[in-house]
Protein backbone atom coordinates (compact mmCIF):
# COMPACT_ATOMS: atom_id res chain seq x y z
CA MET A 1 18.66 11.49 -17.54
CA LEU A 2 15.94 13.27 -15.63
CA GLU A 3 17.54 16.02 -13.62
CA SER A 4 16.30 18.34 -10.88
CA LYS A 5 18.99 20.28 -9.08
CA ARG A 6 18.44 21.28 -5.48
CA ARG A 7 17.05 24.79 -5.21
CA PRO A 8 16.61 27.04 -2.18
CA ALA A 9 13.38 27.29 -0.23
CA ASP A 10 10.67 29.52 -1.61
CA GLN A 11 11.49 33.08 -0.60
CA LYS A 12 7.86 34.04 0.08
CA THR A 13 6.82 31.17 2.34
CA GLY A 14 10.16 29.84 3.48
CA ALA A 15 8.85 26.33 2.88
CA PRO A 16 11.64 23.93 1.89
CA THR A 17 11.54 22.24 -1.46
CA LYS A 18 10.40 18.63 -1.03
CA ARG A 19 12.87 16.14 -2.43
CA PHE A 20 12.09 12.69 -3.82
CA ILE A 21 14.77 10.08 -4.40
CA PHE A 22 13.74 7.56 -7.06
CA VAL A 23 15.71 4.34 -6.63
CA LEU A 24 15.61 2.60 -10.00
CA LEU A 25 15.99 -1.16 -9.79
CA HIS A 26 17.24 -3.09 -12.80
CA ASN A 27 14.37 -3.76 -15.25
CA PHE A 28 12.08 -1.25 -13.52
CA THR A 29 8.82 -0.32 -15.24
CA MET A 30 8.96 3.06 -16.98
CA LEU A 31 5.21 3.68 -16.79
CA SER A 32 4.91 3.68 -13.00
CA PHE A 33 8.10 5.76 -12.70
CA ALA A 34 6.95 8.37 -15.24
CA CYS A 35 3.53 8.55 -13.61
CA ALA A 36 5.25 9.49 -10.34
CA VAL A 37 7.64 12.10 -11.77
CA GLU A 38 5.26 13.98 -14.06
CA PRO A 39 2.84 15.19 -11.34
CA LEU A 40 5.84 16.72 -9.54
CA ARG A 41 7.05 18.48 -12.69
CA ILE A 42 3.60 19.82 -13.45
CA ALA A 43 3.13 20.98 -9.85
CA ASN A 44 6.34 23.01 -10.11
CA ARG A 45 5.25 24.60 -13.38
CA LEU A 46 1.78 25.48 -12.12
CA ALA A 47 3.13 26.93 -8.88
CA GLY A 48 5.83 28.90 -10.67
CA LYS A 49 8.30 27.82 -8.01
CA PRO A 50 10.17 24.64 -6.98
CA LEU A 51 7.73 22.82 -4.75
CA TYR A 52 9.49 19.55 -5.56
CA GLU A 53 12.80 18.23 -6.78
CA TRP A 54 13.96 14.72 -7.50
CA ARG A 55 17.08 12.69 -8.09
CA LEU A 56 17.63 9.27 -9.61
CA ALA A 57 19.58 6.79 -7.52
CA GLY A 58 20.63 3.21 -7.93
CA GLU A 59 23.19 0.59 -7.13
CA GLY A 60 26.49 1.63 -8.67
CA GLY A 61 25.34 5.18 -9.35
CA ALA A 62 25.98 5.01 -13.11
CA THR A 63 23.17 3.85 -15.40
CA VAL A 64 20.20 1.51 -15.15
CA THR A 65 17.99 -0.04 -17.81
CA CYS A 66 14.22 -0.28 -17.53
CA SER A 67 12.07 -3.16 -18.76
CA ASN A 68 11.48 -1.61 -22.21
CA GLY A 69 15.22 -1.32 -22.84
CA ALA A 70 15.66 2.42 -22.28
CA ALA A 71 18.74 3.38 -20.24
CA PHE A 72 18.73 6.07 -17.56
CA GLN A 73 21.74 7.93 -16.21
CA LEU A 74 21.69 8.06 -12.43
CA ASP A 75 22.43 11.11 -10.32
CA MET A 76 23.78 9.18 -7.36
CA GLY A 77 24.48 5.81 -5.85
CA LEU A 78 23.17 4.38 -2.60
CA GLU A 79 24.31 7.28 -0.48
CA GLU A 80 23.12 8.56 2.88
CA LEU A 81 20.15 10.87 2.35
CA ASP A 82 18.62 13.85 4.11
CA ARG A 83 16.11 12.87 6.78
CA ASP A 84 13.37 14.86 5.04
CA ASP A 85 13.79 12.99 1.74
CA THR A 86 11.13 10.61 0.48
CA VAL A 87 12.47 7.45 -1.15
CA LEU A 88 10.42 5.78 -3.89
CA VAL A 89 11.85 2.47 -5.10
CA CYS A 90 10.82 1.62 -8.67
CA GLY A 91 10.49 -2.06 -9.52
CA GLY A 92 9.50 -4.07 -12.56
CA ILE A 93 10.34 -7.53 -13.87
CA ASP A 94 12.74 -9.86 -12.08
CA VAL A 95 12.39 -7.77 -8.92
CA GLN A 96 13.67 -10.65 -6.80
CA GLU A 97 17.00 -10.59 -8.62
CA ALA A 98 17.05 -6.78 -8.64
CA THR A 99 16.56 -6.70 -4.87
CA THR A 100 20.20 -7.31 -4.03
CA ARG A 101 21.81 -7.49 -0.61
CA GLN A 102 23.14 -3.98 -1.13
CA ILE A 103 19.65 -2.64 -1.87
CA VAL A 104 18.18 -4.38 1.18
CA ALA A 105 20.95 -3.16 3.49
CA TRP A 106 20.61 0.42 2.19
CA LEU A 107 16.83 0.41 2.64
CA ARG A 108 17.18 -0.84 6.20
CA ARG A 109 19.75 1.82 7.00
CA GLU A 110 17.64 4.66 5.64
CA ALA A 111 14.57 3.28 7.42
CA ARG A 112 16.45 3.34 10.74
CA ARG A 113 17.16 7.01 10.10
CA GLY A 114 13.42 7.66 9.86
CA LEU A 115 12.97 8.36 6.15
CA THR A 116 9.67 7.84 4.36
CA LEU A 117 10.04 4.87 2.02
CA GLY A 118 7.77 3.68 -0.76
CA GLY A 119 7.59 1.02 -3.42
CA LEU A 120 6.20 1.58 -6.92
CA CYS A 121 5.11 -1.27 -9.15
CA THR A 122 6.69 -4.49 -7.83
CA ALA A 123 9.09 -2.64 -5.51
CA SER A 124 6.86 -3.42 -2.53
CA TYR A 125 8.73 -6.71 -2.73
CA ALA A 126 12.03 -4.93 -2.05
CA LEU A 127 10.62 -3.13 0.99
CA ALA A 128 9.07 -6.33 2.30
CA LYS A 129 12.34 -8.23 1.78
CA ALA A 130 14.03 -5.61 3.95
CA GLY A 131 11.38 -6.20 6.63
CA LEU A 132 10.06 -2.65 6.30
CA LEU A 133 6.44 -3.61 5.69
CA ASP A 134 6.00 -6.02 8.59
CA GLY A 135 2.75 -5.18 10.35
CA LYS A 136 2.02 -2.53 7.72
CA ARG A 137 -0.71 -2.26 5.11
CA ALA A 138 0.65 -2.42 1.58
CA THR A 139 -0.24 -3.24 -2.00
CA ILE A 140 1.39 -4.72 -5.09
CA HIS A 141 0.18 -5.46 -8.62
CA TRP A 142 -2.64 -8.02 -8.58
CA GLU A 143 -0.61 -10.44 -10.72
CA ASN A 144 2.06 -10.61 -8.01
CA GLN A 145 -0.17 -10.89 -4.96
CA ASP A 146 -0.21 -14.68 -4.74
CA GLY A 147 3.56 -14.99 -4.51
CA PHE A 148 3.85 -11.99 -2.19
CA LEU A 149 1.31 -13.40 0.26
CA GLU A 150 3.15 -16.71 0.45
CA GLU A 151 6.51 -15.08 1.19
CA PHE A 152 5.52 -12.18 3.45
CA GLU A 153 2.89 -13.32 5.91
CA ASP A 154 3.46 -10.38 8.27
CA VAL A 155 2.46 -7.78 5.66
CA LYS A 156 -1.20 -6.73 5.57
CA LEU A 157 -1.56 -6.92 1.80
CA THR A 158 -4.53 -5.13 0.24
CA LYS A 159 -5.92 -4.85 -3.28
CA SER A 160 -5.92 -1.05 -3.22
CA VAL A 161 -4.37 1.01 -6.02
CA PHE A 162 -2.10 2.62 -3.43
CA VAL A 163 -1.55 2.52 0.32
CA ILE A 164 -0.12 5.03 2.76
CA ASP A 165 0.59 3.53 6.17
CA GLY A 166 2.58 5.95 8.28
CA ASN A 167 5.90 6.54 6.53
CA ARG A 168 5.47 3.56 4.21
CA LEU A 169 3.99 4.00 0.75
CA SER A 170 3.15 1.47 -1.95
CA THR A 171 1.35 1.36 -5.28
CA ALA A 172 -0.05 -1.37 -7.47
CA GLY A 173 1.92 -0.24 -10.51
CA GLY A 174 1.00 1.46 -13.76
CA THR A 175 -1.00 4.65 -13.44
CA ALA A 176 -1.53 4.09 -9.70
CA SER A 177 1.58 6.22 -9.20
CA ILE A 178 -0.42 9.23 -10.37
CA ASP A 179 -3.04 8.65 -7.69
CA LEU A 180 -0.42 8.37 -4.97
CA MET A 181 1.40 11.53 -6.04
CA LEU A 182 -1.84 13.51 -6.34
CA LYS A 183 -2.69 12.44 -2.80
CA LEU A 184 0.71 13.61 -1.54
CA ILE A 185 0.37 16.90 -3.42
CA ALA A 186 -3.14 17.42 -2.02
CA ASP A 187 -1.91 16.78 1.53
CA GLU A 188 0.79 19.44 1.15
CA HIS A 189 -0.84 22.04 -1.10
CA GLY A 190 -4.59 21.37 -1.05
CA GLU A 191 -7.04 19.37 -3.12
CA ASP A 192 -7.79 22.24 -5.50
CA PHE A 193 -4.14 22.43 -6.51
CA ALA A 194 -3.91 18.64 -6.87
CA ASN A 195 -7.03 18.68 -9.06
CA THR A 196 -5.40 21.30 -11.26
CA VAL A 197 -2.38 19.02 -11.66
CA ALA A 198 -4.76 16.17 -12.56
CA ASP A 199 -6.41 18.35 -15.22
CA GLN A 200 -3.01 18.98 -16.79
CA LEU A 201 -2.48 15.21 -16.92
CA ILE A 202 -5.94 14.75 -18.54
CA TYR A 203 -6.60 12.53 -15.53
CA SER A 204 -10.32 12.82 -14.87
CA ALA A 205 -10.93 10.01 -12.39
CA ILE A 206 -8.64 10.36 -9.38
CA ARG A 207 -8.65 7.20 -7.29
CA THR A 208 -8.22 6.96 -3.54
CA ASP A 209 -6.70 4.28 -1.33
CA GLN A 210 -10.20 2.82 -1.06
CA ASP A 211 -10.29 1.95 -4.76
CA THR A 212 -9.26 -1.53 -5.82
CA GLN A 213 -6.86 -2.13 -8.68
CA ARG A 214 -8.71 -4.74 -10.72
CA LEU A 215 -11.85 -4.23 -12.74
CA SER A 216 -15.05 -5.56 -11.23
CA ILE A 217 -15.88 -9.17 -12.10
CA PRO A 218 -18.77 -8.20 -14.44
CA THR A 219 -16.48 -5.82 -16.35
CA ARG A 220 -13.62 -8.30 -16.42
CA ILE A 221 -15.66 -11.19 -17.84
CA GLY A 222 -17.90 -8.97 -19.96
CA VAL A 223 -21.05 -10.35 -18.35
CA ARG A 224 -23.39 -8.59 -15.97
CA HIS A 225 -25.17 -11.45 -14.24
CA PRO A 226 -25.25 -11.05 -10.44
CA LYS A 227 -25.31 -14.75 -9.56
CA LEU A 228 -22.51 -15.58 -12.01
CA SER A 229 -20.37 -12.79 -10.55
CA GLN A 230 -21.11 -14.03 -7.04
CA VAL A 231 -20.04 -17.59 -7.88
CA ILE A 232 -16.82 -16.43 -9.54
CA GLN A 233 -15.97 -14.30 -6.52
CA MET A 234 -16.48 -17.34 -4.29
CA MET A 235 -14.20 -19.36 -6.54
CA GLU A 236 -11.46 -16.71 -6.48
CA THR A 237 -11.45 -16.59 -2.69
CA ALA A 238 -11.41 -20.37 -2.23
CA ILE A 239 -8.49 -21.64 -4.30
CA GLU A 240 -6.72 -23.72 -1.65
CA GLU A 241 -9.93 -25.51 -0.63
CA PRO A 242 -12.17 -25.58 -3.73
CA ILE A 243 -15.93 -25.54 -3.24
CA SER A 244 -17.97 -28.16 -5.06
CA PRO A 245 -20.32 -27.02 -7.88
CA SER A 246 -23.31 -28.25 -5.89
CA ASP A 247 -22.35 -26.12 -2.88
CA LEU A 248 -21.66 -23.11 -5.09
CA ALA A 249 -25.08 -23.50 -6.69
CA GLU A 250 -26.81 -23.87 -3.34
CA ASP A 251 -25.10 -20.77 -1.95
CA VAL A 252 -26.55 -18.60 -4.73
CA GLY A 253 -29.97 -20.23 -4.70
CA MET A 254 -29.96 -22.36 -7.83
CA SER A 255 -29.59 -25.99 -8.85
CA THR A 256 -26.33 -27.50 -10.05
CA ARG A 257 -27.87 -27.93 -13.51
CA GLN A 258 -28.84 -24.25 -13.61
CA LEU A 259 -25.29 -23.29 -12.65
CA GLU A 260 -23.91 -25.47 -15.44
CA ARG A 261 -26.20 -23.82 -17.97
CA LEU A 262 -25.24 -20.34 -16.69
CA PHE A 263 -21.50 -20.98 -17.20
CA ARG A 264 -22.04 -22.63 -20.59
CA ARG A 265 -24.18 -19.75 -21.81
CA TYR A 266 -21.94 -16.87 -20.73
CA LEU A 267 -18.42 -18.35 -20.48
CA ASN A 268 -18.61 -21.36 -22.83
CA ARG A 269 -17.20 -23.71 -20.23
CA SER A 270 -18.37 -25.67 -17.23
CA PRO A 271 -18.03 -24.31 -13.66
CA LYS A 272 -15.54 -27.08 -12.98
CA ARG A 273 -13.39 -26.07 -15.96
CA TYR A 274 -13.49 -22.38 -15.09
CA TYR A 275 -12.53 -23.15 -11.50
CA MET A 276 -9.65 -25.34 -12.69
CA GLU A 277 -8.32 -22.49 -14.87
CA LEU A 278 -8.35 -20.12 -11.89
CA ARG A 279 -6.43 -22.63 -9.77
CA LEU A 280 -3.87 -23.28 -12.50
CA GLN A 281 -3.38 -19.56 -13.05
CA LYS A 282 -2.57 -19.11 -9.38
CA ALA A 283 -0.26 -22.13 -9.51
CA ARG A 284 1.65 -20.61 -12.41
CA ASN A 285 2.05 -17.33 -10.51
CA LEU A 286 3.44 -19.18 -7.50
CA LEU A 287 5.84 -21.21 -9.63
CA MET A 288 7.16 -18.08 -11.31
CA GLN A 289 7.28 -15.81 -8.27
CA THR A 290 8.25 -17.93 -5.26
CA ASP A 291 10.65 -20.60 -4.06
CA MET A 292 7.77 -22.86 -3.00
CA SER A 293 8.21 -26.51 -3.91
CA VAL A 294 5.97 -27.92 -6.60
CA ILE A 295 4.26 -30.05 -3.94
CA ASN A 296 3.45 -27.00 -1.83
CA VAL A 297 2.24 -25.09 -4.88
CA ALA A 298 -0.08 -27.99 -5.68
CA LEU A 299 -1.49 -27.99 -2.14
CA ALA A 300 -1.91 -24.21 -2.13
CA CYS A 301 -4.02 -24.49 -5.27
CA GLY A 302 -6.27 -27.27 -4.08
CA PHE A 303 -4.61 -30.32 -5.66
CA ALA A 304 -4.42 -33.41 -3.47
CA SER A 305 -1.38 -34.90 -5.22
CA PRO A 306 1.57 -33.63 -7.30
CA SER A 307 0.79 -36.14 -10.05
CA HIS A 308 -2.75 -34.84 -10.51
CA PHE A 309 -1.46 -31.28 -10.43
CA SER A 310 1.20 -32.04 -13.04
CA LYS A 311 -1.33 -33.76 -15.30
CA CYS A 312 -3.76 -30.82 -15.16
CA TYR A 313 -0.95 -28.30 -15.61
CA ARG A 314 0.40 -30.07 -18.68
CA ALA A 315 -3.06 -30.28 -20.23
CA HIS A 316 -3.57 -26.53 -19.83
CA TYR A 317 -0.09 -25.09 -20.43
CA ASN A 318 1.55 -27.80 -22.55
CA THR A 319 4.41 -28.16 -20.10
CA THR A 320 4.98 -29.56 -16.63
CA PRO A 321 5.29 -27.45 -13.48
CA TYR A 322 8.93 -28.52 -13.17
CA ARG A 323 9.81 -27.47 -16.72
CA GLU A 324 7.89 -24.22 -16.31
CA ARG A 325 10.03 -23.20 -13.39
CA GLY A 326 13.22 -24.45 -15.00
CA THR A 327 12.80 -22.62 -18.29
CA GLN A 328 11.24 -19.38 -17.08
CA GLY A 329 12.69 -18.88 -13.60
CA LYS A 330 11.00 -16.72 -10.98
CA ARG A 331 9.64 -13.50 -12.41
CA LEU A 332 7.63 -10.74 -10.83
CA SER A 333 6.46 -8.71 -13.78
CA ILE A 334 3.97 -6.23 -15.13
């Protein structure tokens, strides 16, 4: 158990100790949780006084297990909190199942009382399910964005590593929690102090809410060719209505044959094959993360018929879309 007992306000400044309530959902991701707690601990040690405290909460108030199998003892259940508390919900795999009716009702109640609420890792899903991100900017891990966009149309989803929109916070998972916490620490105690905390973490490249979570296309594919990167970006943004190879080639100022040679040389596949793999990857995400019918998944990924979709899916994944969903279920994971 991680424990931080409530302490009085600092005697010199009279400033109250800021309290964070970490709501641990079943199968939450330890990395994003630890990356949120450690900056607070280090800030306290560097300041020599309790700037922050935290408690672990969860449904039932007993224990909860994270995705790597470690069990955590909780400090409290889903109780009414102080209005000045900041709630950070920690998600991980199977977040849809972990977002129970009790969790949703509790989040809505605390939101009505005016608390600041945030979602770490996949927990943006829990906040969105409670309707607390409608009309708000938010983020979630890139792997889960396809399913999130289909289910929560009123959320302004971004690709940022973290987002602060009023009293709603969200991160993309992993080490993005560090960036969010350093931002909060800087807002309260200055950038110099936050940078000192970062130094203690050996964290030399602090990201802002303007930084995106995925590597650039050239870094991701290991190829630095501007026209190839441009074509791949066009493909990634046009999954539902695929662009023909001839139009892609024309848009970057080359012939279709030149485009074919470019993909063969650097990626060892044709533009058509690469595009198909992108579409099938999105289809798999939607099958695993949403309740969309197979027909609607096919349409969302640019397939004119379920039979063609099923044939392509089987050829790539060695199973049908129907069996994929039946054997794996819906999973939001990191």
